[in-house]
Amino acid sequence: AVMLALKTPIISVVIGEGSSGGALGIGVGDKLAMLQYSTYFVISPEGCANIIWKTSEKAPQAAEAMGLTSTILEDLGIVDTTIEEPEGGAHRDPDLAAQRVKEYLVDELAQLQQLSLDDLLDQRYARLMSYGNP
């Protein structure tokens, strides 16, 4: 609730695993990006499987249904951008990965700074309210 009213641009980038309450928190930002091989979810696949099927053995099915990856979440409108990782993953070339994240942040911040404060907050609220709507 506090983040929703912050009078500054909020850009979130998932660089590994965004999960649980943290996932809820960063989902309130103005923009959300994920590194190509990162995951983002509000409950673990094991936790989801335990709730749905009463067994964690169905975690692979839960993970598939949850759509944990950037490309699926981008298609659903939850994630704005997938940031391409260096070949083999960000850990193979952290400098290049950091450069790509920096470029994304600089570009998005420049766009968000063009908005009036009222428009920024209105768009943030609309973004949050759009989750789950086709």
N, C-alpha and C. Protein backbone atom coordinates (compact mmCIF):
# COMPACT_ATOMS: atom_id res chain seq x y z
N ALA A 1 0.82 -1.19 0.00
CA ALA A 1 0.00 0.00 0.00
C ALA A 1 0.87 1.26 0.00
N VAL A 2 1.97 1.21 0.73
CA VAL A 2 2.86 2.37 0.79
C VAL A 2 3.51 2.61 -0.56
N MET A 3 3.96 1.54 -1.21
CA MET A 3 4.61 1.70 -2.51
C MET A 3 3.67 2.29 -3.54
N LEU A 4 2.40 1.97 -3.45
CA LEU A 4 1.43 2.47 -4.41
C LEU A 4 1.38 4.00 -4.41
N ALA A 5 1.64 4.60 -3.26
CA ALA A 5 1.55 6.05 -3.14
C ALA A 5 2.90 6.78 -3.20
N LEU A 6 4.00 6.05 -3.37
CA LEU A 6 5.30 6.72 -3.44
C LEU A 6 5.36 7.65 -4.63
N LYS A 7 5.80 8.85 -4.40
CA LYS A 7 5.81 9.89 -5.43
C LYS A 7 7.14 9.93 -6.16
N THR A 8 7.52 8.76 -6.67
CA THR A 8 8.74 8.62 -7.45
C THR A 8 8.59 7.40 -8.34
N PRO A 9 9.23 7.38 -9.48
CA PRO A 9 9.15 6.19 -10.33
C PRO A 9 9.70 4.96 -9.60
N ILE A 10 9.05 3.82 -9.82
CA ILE A 10 9.50 2.55 -9.23
C ILE A 10 9.69 1.56 -10.37
N ILE A 11 10.93 1.12 -10.53
CA ILE A 11 11.26 0.13 -11.56
C ILE A 11 11.87 -1.07 -10.85
N SER A 12 11.28 -2.24 -11.07
CA SER A 12 11.76 -3.47 -10.44
C SER A 12 12.35 -4.38 -11.50
N VAL A 13 13.44 -5.06 -11.12
CA VAL A 13 14.08 -6.03 -12.00
C VAL A 13 14.35 -7.30 -11.20
N VAL A 14 13.78 -8.40 -11.64
CA VAL A 14 14.04 -9.70 -11.01
C VAL A 14 15.30 -10.25 -11.66
N ILE A 15 16.34 -10.47 -10.84
CA ILE A 15 17.62 -10.93 -11.38
C ILE A 15 17.89 -12.39 -11.04
N GLY A 16 17.03 -12.99 -10.25
CA GLY A 16 17.20 -14.40 -9.88
C GLY A 16 15.84 -15.00 -9.62
N GLU A 17 15.43 -14.92 -8.37
CA GLU A 17 14.13 -15.46 -7.98
C GLU A 17 13.38 -14.39 -7.21
N GLY A 18 12.24 -13.96 -7.76
CA GLY A 18 11.35 -13.04 -7.05
C GLY A 18 10.20 -13.88 -6.53
N SER A 19 10.08 -13.96 -5.21
CA SER A 19 9.06 -14.86 -4.69
C SER A 19 8.41 -14.33 -3.42
N SER A 20 7.28 -14.91 -3.10
CA SER A 20 6.53 -14.70 -1.87
C SER A 20 6.16 -13.23 -1.70
N GLY A 21 6.32 -12.72 -0.50
CA GLY A 21 5.94 -11.34 -0.21
C GLY A 21 6.75 -10.34 -1.01
N GLY A 22 8.00 -10.68 -1.29
CA GLY A 22 8.82 -9.80 -2.12
C GLY A 22 8.25 -9.66 -3.52
N ALA A 23 7.73 -10.76 -4.05
CA ALA A 23 7.11 -10.72 -5.37
C ALA A 23 5.89 -9.81 -5.35
N LEU A 24 5.13 -9.88 -4.28
CA LEU A 24 3.97 -8.99 -4.17
C LEU A 24 4.41 -7.54 -4.12
N GLY A 25 5.45 -7.27 -3.36
CA GLY A 25 5.94 -5.91 -3.22
C GLY A 25 6.44 -5.30 -4.51
N ILE A 26 7.31 -6.02 -5.22
CA ILE A 26 7.87 -5.45 -6.45
C ILE A 26 6.86 -5.41 -7.58
N GLY A 27 5.77 -6.15 -7.44
CA GLY A 27 4.72 -6.11 -8.45
C GLY A 27 3.93 -4.81 -8.45
N VAL A 28 4.14 -3.97 -7.45
CA VAL A 28 3.41 -2.71 -7.34
C VAL A 28 4.12 -1.59 -8.10
N GLY A 29 5.29 -1.84 -8.62
CA GLY A 29 6.04 -0.79 -9.29
C GLY A 29 5.42 -0.33 -10.60
N ASP A 30 6.07 0.67 -11.19
CA ASP A 30 5.62 1.20 -12.47
C ASP A 30 6.03 0.31 -13.63
N LYS A 31 7.15 -0.33 -13.50
CA LYS A 31 7.68 -1.22 -14.53
C LYS A 31 8.29 -2.43 -13.83
N LEU A 32 8.16 -3.59 -14.48
CA LEU A 32 8.73 -4.82 -13.95
C LEU A 32 9.41 -5.57 -15.09
N ALA A 33 10.68 -5.84 -14.90
CA ALA A 33 11.45 -6.62 -15.88
C ALA A 33 12.04 -7.83 -15.18
N MET A 34 12.39 -8.80 -15.98
CA MET A 34 13.04 -10.00 -15.45
C MET A 34 14.22 -10.35 -16.35
N LEU A 35 15.30 -10.80 -15.72
CA LEU A 35 16.34 -11.41 -16.52
C LEU A 35 15.77 -12.67 -17.14
N GLN A 36 16.27 -13.01 -18.29
CA GLN A 36 15.75 -14.10 -19.11
C GLN A 36 15.56 -15.41 -18.36
N TYR A 37 16.46 -15.77 -17.47
CA TYR A 37 16.40 -17.06 -16.78
C TYR A 37 15.94 -16.94 -15.33
N SER A 38 15.38 -15.82 -14.95
CA SER A 38 14.90 -15.66 -13.59
C SER A 38 13.47 -16.19 -13.46
N THR A 39 13.00 -16.28 -12.23
CA THR A 39 11.63 -16.74 -11.97
C THR A 39 10.95 -15.76 -11.04
N TYR A 40 9.62 -15.73 -11.13
CA TYR A 40 8.83 -14.78 -10.35
C TYR A 40 7.51 -15.45 -9.97
N PHE A 41 7.24 -15.53 -8.68
CA PHE A 41 6.01 -16.17 -8.21
C PHE A 41 5.70 -15.75 -6.79
N VAL A 42 4.43 -15.83 -6.41
CA VAL A 42 4.03 -15.45 -5.06
C VAL A 42 3.94 -16.64 -4.12
N ILE A 43 3.97 -17.85 -4.67
CA ILE A 43 4.01 -19.07 -3.87
C ILE A 43 4.88 -20.07 -4.61
N SER A 44 5.62 -20.87 -3.88
CA SER A 44 6.47 -21.86 -4.52
C SER A 44 5.62 -22.92 -5.21
N PRO A 45 6.18 -23.56 -6.21
CA PRO A 45 5.44 -24.67 -6.83
C PRO A 45 5.06 -25.76 -5.83
N GLU A 46 5.94 -26.02 -4.88
CA GLU A 46 5.63 -27.02 -3.85
C GLU A 46 4.46 -26.58 -2.99
N GLY A 47 4.46 -25.32 -2.60
CA GLY A 47 3.35 -24.80 -1.80
C GLY A 47 2.04 -24.81 -2.57
N CYS A 48 2.10 -24.44 -3.83
CA CYS A 48 0.91 -24.46 -4.68
C CYS A 48 0.38 -25.88 -4.82
N ALA A 49 1.29 -26.84 -5.08
CA ALA A 49 0.87 -28.24 -5.23
C ALA A 49 0.24 -28.77 -3.95
N ASN A 50 0.79 -28.37 -2.81
CA ASN A 50 0.21 -28.80 -1.54
C ASN A 50 -1.20 -28.26 -1.34
N ILE A 51 -1.44 -27.06 -1.79
CA ILE A 51 -2.77 -26.47 -1.65
C ILE A 51 -3.75 -27.11 -2.64
N ILE A 52 -3.34 -27.25 -3.88
CA ILE A 52 -4.24 -27.75 -4.92
C ILE A 52 -4.44 -29.27 -4.84
N TRP A 53 -3.32 -30.01 -4.75
CA TRP A 53 -3.39 -31.46 -4.84
C TRP A 53 -3.07 -32.17 -3.52
N LYS A 54 -2.79 -31.39 -2.47
CA LYS A 54 -2.46 -31.95 -1.15
C LYS A 54 -1.18 -32.79 -1.15
N THR A 55 -0.30 -32.54 -2.12
CA THR A 55 0.99 -33.23 -2.17
C THR A 55 1.99 -32.36 -2.94
N SER A 56 3.21 -32.29 -2.42
CA SER A 56 4.24 -31.53 -3.11
C SER A 56 4.82 -32.29 -4.30
N GLU A 57 4.46 -33.55 -4.45
CA GLU A 57 4.96 -34.33 -5.58
C GLU A 57 4.46 -33.78 -6.92
N LYS A 58 3.42 -32.98 -6.88
CA LYS A 58 2.87 -32.40 -8.11
C LYS A 58 3.48 -31.03 -8.40
N ALA A 59 4.59 -30.71 -7.75
CA ALA A 59 5.25 -29.42 -7.96
C ALA A 59 5.57 -29.13 -9.42
N PRO A 60 6.05 -30.11 -10.20
CA PRO A 60 6.32 -29.80 -11.62
C PRO A 60 5.06 -29.36 -12.37
N GLN A 61 3.93 -29.99 -12.09
CA GLN A 61 2.68 -29.59 -12.74
C GLN A 61 2.27 -28.19 -12.27
N ALA A 62 2.47 -27.93 -11.00
CA ALA A 62 2.13 -26.61 -10.47
C ALA A 62 3.01 -25.54 -11.11
N ALA A 63 4.29 -25.81 -11.22
CA ALA A 63 5.22 -24.85 -11.83
C ALA A 63 4.80 -24.54 -13.27
N GLU A 64 4.42 -25.57 -14.00
CA GLU A 64 3.97 -25.37 -15.38
C GLU A 64 2.73 -24.49 -15.43
N ALA A 65 1.78 -24.78 -14.56
CA ALA A 65 0.52 -24.03 -14.54
C ALA A 65 0.72 -22.59 -14.06
N MET A 66 1.68 -22.38 -13.18
CA MET A 66 1.91 -21.06 -12.60
C MET A 66 2.57 -20.09 -13.58
N GLY A 67 3.29 -20.60 -14.55
CA GLY A 67 3.96 -19.71 -15.51
C GLY A 67 5.00 -18.85 -14.82
N LEU A 68 6.07 -19.44 -14.38
CA LEU A 68 7.08 -18.76 -13.58
C LEU A 68 8.09 -17.95 -14.38
N THR A 69 8.11 -18.13 -15.69
CA THR A 69 9.17 -17.55 -16.50
C THR A 69 8.79 -16.19 -17.08
N SER A 70 9.80 -15.44 -17.44
CA SER A 70 9.58 -14.08 -17.92
C SER A 70 8.73 -14.05 -19.19
N THR A 71 8.96 -14.97 -20.10
CA THR A 71 8.21 -14.92 -21.36
C THR A 71 6.72 -15.19 -21.14
N ILE A 72 6.40 -16.15 -20.28
CA ILE A 72 4.99 -16.42 -19.99
C ILE A 72 4.37 -15.24 -19.25
N LEU A 73 5.07 -14.72 -18.26
CA LEU A 73 4.54 -13.59 -17.49
C LEU A 73 4.44 -12.33 -18.33
N GLU A 74 5.31 -12.20 -19.30
CA GLU A 74 5.22 -11.07 -20.24
C GLU A 74 3.97 -11.21 -21.10
N ASP A 75 3.70 -12.41 -21.57
CA ASP A 75 2.49 -12.66 -22.35
C ASP A 75 1.22 -12.36 -21.54
N LEU A 76 1.28 -12.60 -20.23
CA LEU A 76 0.13 -12.35 -19.36
C LEU A 76 0.01 -10.88 -18.94
N GLY A 77 0.99 -10.05 -19.30
CA GLY A 77 0.94 -8.64 -18.95
C GLY A 77 1.40 -8.32 -17.55
N ILE A 78 2.03 -9.27 -16.88
CA ILE A 78 2.53 -9.03 -15.52
C ILE A 78 3.93 -8.44 -15.57
N VAL A 79 4.73 -8.95 -16.49
CA VAL A 79 6.09 -8.47 -16.69
C VAL A 79 6.13 -7.65 -17.96
N ASP A 80 6.82 -6.50 -17.92
CA ASP A 80 6.90 -5.62 -19.08
C ASP A 80 7.96 -6.05 -20.07
N THR A 81 9.09 -6.52 -19.55
CA THR A 81 10.25 -6.76 -20.40
C THR A 81 11.05 -7.94 -19.90
N THR A 82 11.55 -8.72 -20.84
CA THR A 82 12.54 -9.74 -20.53
C THR A 82 13.88 -9.21 -20.99
N ILE A 83 14.82 -9.15 -20.06
CA ILE A 83 16.17 -8.67 -20.38
C ILE A 83 17.02 -9.89 -20.74
N GLU A 84 17.52 -9.90 -21.97
CA GLU A 84 18.31 -11.03 -22.44
C GLU A 84 19.60 -11.17 -21.63
N GLU A 85 19.87 -12.40 -21.22
CA GLU A 85 21.10 -12.68 -20.49
C GLU A 85 22.20 -13.09 -21.46
N PRO A 86 23.45 -12.92 -21.05
CA PRO A 86 24.56 -13.39 -21.88
C PRO A 86 24.44 -14.91 -22.09
N GLU A 87 25.05 -15.41 -23.13
CA GLU A 87 25.01 -16.85 -23.41
C GLU A 87 25.46 -17.63 -22.16
N GLY A 88 24.63 -18.59 -21.76
CA GLY A 88 24.94 -19.41 -20.59
C GLY A 88 24.44 -18.82 -19.28
N GLY A 89 23.87 -17.64 -19.30
CA GLY A 89 23.33 -17.03 -18.09
C GLY A 89 24.14 -15.84 -17.61
N ALA A 90 23.53 -15.04 -16.77
CA ALA A 90 24.16 -13.80 -16.28
C ALA A 90 25.46 -14.07 -15.52
N HIS A 91 25.55 -15.19 -14.85
CA HIS A 91 26.75 -15.51 -14.08
C HIS A 91 27.97 -15.77 -14.97
N ARG A 92 27.73 -16.05 -16.25
CA ARG A 92 28.85 -16.29 -17.18
C ARG A 92 29.52 -14.99 -17.60
N ASP A 93 28.76 -13.90 -17.60
CA ASP A 93 29.31 -12.59 -17.97
C ASP A 93 28.55 -11.52 -17.18
N PRO A 94 28.86 -11.39 -15.89
CA PRO A 94 28.11 -10.44 -15.06
C PRO A 94 28.22 -8.98 -15.52
N ASP A 95 29.34 -8.63 -16.13
CA ASP A 95 29.48 -7.25 -16.61
C ASP A 95 28.49 -6.96 -17.73
N LEU A 96 28.36 -7.87 -18.68
CA LEU A 96 27.41 -7.69 -19.77
C LEU A 96 25.98 -7.71 -19.24
N ALA A 97 25.70 -8.62 -18.32
CA ALA A 97 24.35 -8.68 -17.73
C ALA A 97 24.03 -7.36 -17.02
N ALA A 98 24.97 -6.84 -16.26
CA ALA A 98 24.76 -5.57 -15.56
C ALA A 98 24.57 -4.42 -16.54
N GLN A 99 25.30 -4.43 -17.64
CA GLN A 99 25.15 -3.39 -18.65
C GLN A 99 23.75 -3.42 -19.25
N ARG A 100 23.22 -4.61 -19.51
CA ARG A 100 21.88 -4.73 -20.08
C ARG A 100 20.81 -4.27 -19.09
N VAL A 101 21.00 -4.58 -17.82
CA VAL A 101 20.06 -4.10 -16.80
C VAL A 101 20.13 -2.58 -16.70
N LYS A 102 21.35 -2.04 -16.71
CA LYS A 102 21.52 -0.58 -16.64
C LYS A 102 20.83 0.12 -17.81
N GLU A 103 21.01 -0.42 -19.02
CA GLU A 103 20.38 0.18 -20.20
C GLU A 103 18.86 0.18 -20.06
N TYR A 104 18.32 -0.92 -19.58
CA TYR A 104 16.87 -1.00 -19.35
C TYR A 104 16.43 0.06 -18.34
N LEU A 105 17.12 0.14 -17.22
CA LEU A 105 16.74 1.09 -16.17
C LEU A 105 16.82 2.54 -16.65
N VAL A 106 17.89 2.87 -17.35
CA VAL A 106 18.06 4.24 -17.84
C VAL A 106 16.94 4.60 -18.83
N ASP A 107 16.64 3.69 -19.75
CA ASP A 107 15.59 3.94 -20.75
C ASP A 107 14.22 4.10 -20.08
N GLU A 108 13.88 3.19 -19.19
CA GLU A 108 12.56 3.23 -18.54
C GLU A 108 12.42 4.45 -17.63
N LEU A 109 13.47 4.78 -16.91
CA LEU A 109 13.42 5.95 -16.03
C LEU A 109 13.21 7.22 -16.85
N ALA A 110 13.88 7.32 -17.98
CA ALA A 110 13.70 8.50 -18.84
C ALA A 110 12.25 8.63 -19.28
N GLN A 111 11.62 7.50 -19.62
CA GLN A 111 10.21 7.54 -20.04
C GLN A 111 9.29 7.90 -18.87
N LEU A 112 9.54 7.31 -17.72
CA LEU A 112 8.67 7.58 -16.56
C LEU A 112 8.80 9.02 -16.08
N GLN A 113 9.98 9.60 -16.23
CA GLN A 113 10.18 10.99 -15.80
C GLN A 113 9.43 11.98 -16.69
N GLN A 114 8.97 11.55 -17.84
CA GLN A 114 8.19 12.41 -18.72
C GLN A 114 6.75 12.59 -18.22
N LEU A 115 6.31 11.69 -17.34
CA LEU A 115 4.93 11.74 -16.84
C LEU A 115 4.80 12.73 -15.69
N SER A 116 3.63 13.33 -15.59
CA SER A 116 3.34 14.14 -14.40
C SER A 116 3.20 13.19 -13.22
N LEU A 117 3.34 13.70 -12.02
CA LEU A 117 3.21 12.87 -10.83
C LEU A 117 1.83 12.22 -10.76
N ASP A 118 0.79 12.98 -11.09
CA ASP A 118 -0.56 12.42 -11.07
C ASP A 118 -0.71 11.29 -12.09
N ASP A 119 -0.17 11.47 -13.29
CA ASP A 119 -0.25 10.42 -14.31
C ASP A 119 0.55 9.18 -13.89
N LEU A 120 1.72 9.40 -13.30
CA LEU A 120 2.54 8.29 -12.83
C LEU A 120 1.77 7.44 -11.82
N LEU A 121 1.18 8.10 -10.82
CA LEU A 121 0.44 7.37 -9.79
C LEU A 121 -0.82 6.73 -10.34
N ASP A 122 -1.50 7.41 -11.26
CA ASP A 122 -2.71 6.84 -11.87
C ASP A 122 -2.36 5.59 -12.68
N GLN A 123 -1.27 5.65 -13.45
CA GLN A 123 -0.87 4.50 -14.26
C GLN A 123 -0.42 3.34 -13.38
N ARG A 124 0.26 3.65 -12.28
CA ARG A 124 0.70 2.60 -11.36
C ARG A 124 -0.51 1.87 -10.78
N TYR A 125 -1.50 2.64 -10.37
CA TYR A 125 -2.71 2.04 -9.80
C TYR A 125 -3.44 1.20 -10.85
N ALA A 126 -3.57 1.73 -12.05
CA ALA A 126 -4.23 1.00 -13.13
C ALA A 126 -3.50 -0.29 -13.46
N ARG A 127 -2.19 -0.24 -13.44
CA ARG A 127 -1.38 -1.44 -13.68
C ARG A 127 -1.69 -2.50 -12.65
N LEU A 128 -1.70 -2.12 -11.39
CA LEU A 128 -1.98 -3.07 -10.31
C LEU A 128 -3.37 -3.65 -10.44
N MET A 129 -4.34 -2.82 -10.77
CA MET A 129 -5.72 -3.28 -10.88
C MET A 129 -5.95 -4.15 -12.11
N SER A 130 -5.03 -4.08 -13.08
CA SER A 130 -5.20 -4.86 -14.31
C SER A 130 -4.77 -6.31 -14.14
N TYR A 131 -4.02 -6.62 -13.11
CA TYR A 131 -3.55 -8.00 -12.91
C TYR A 131 -4.75 -8.92 -12.79
N GLY A 132 -4.71 -9.99 -13.55
CA GLY A 132 -5.78 -10.97 -13.50
C GLY A 132 -6.95 -10.69 -14.43
N ASN A 133 -6.92 -9.54 -15.11
CA ASN A 133 -7.97 -9.22 -16.07
C ASN A 133 -7.48 -9.53 -17.47
N PRO A 134 -8.27 -10.24 -18.25
CA PRO A 134 -7.83 -10.59 -19.61
C PRO A 134 -7.74 -9.38 -20.52
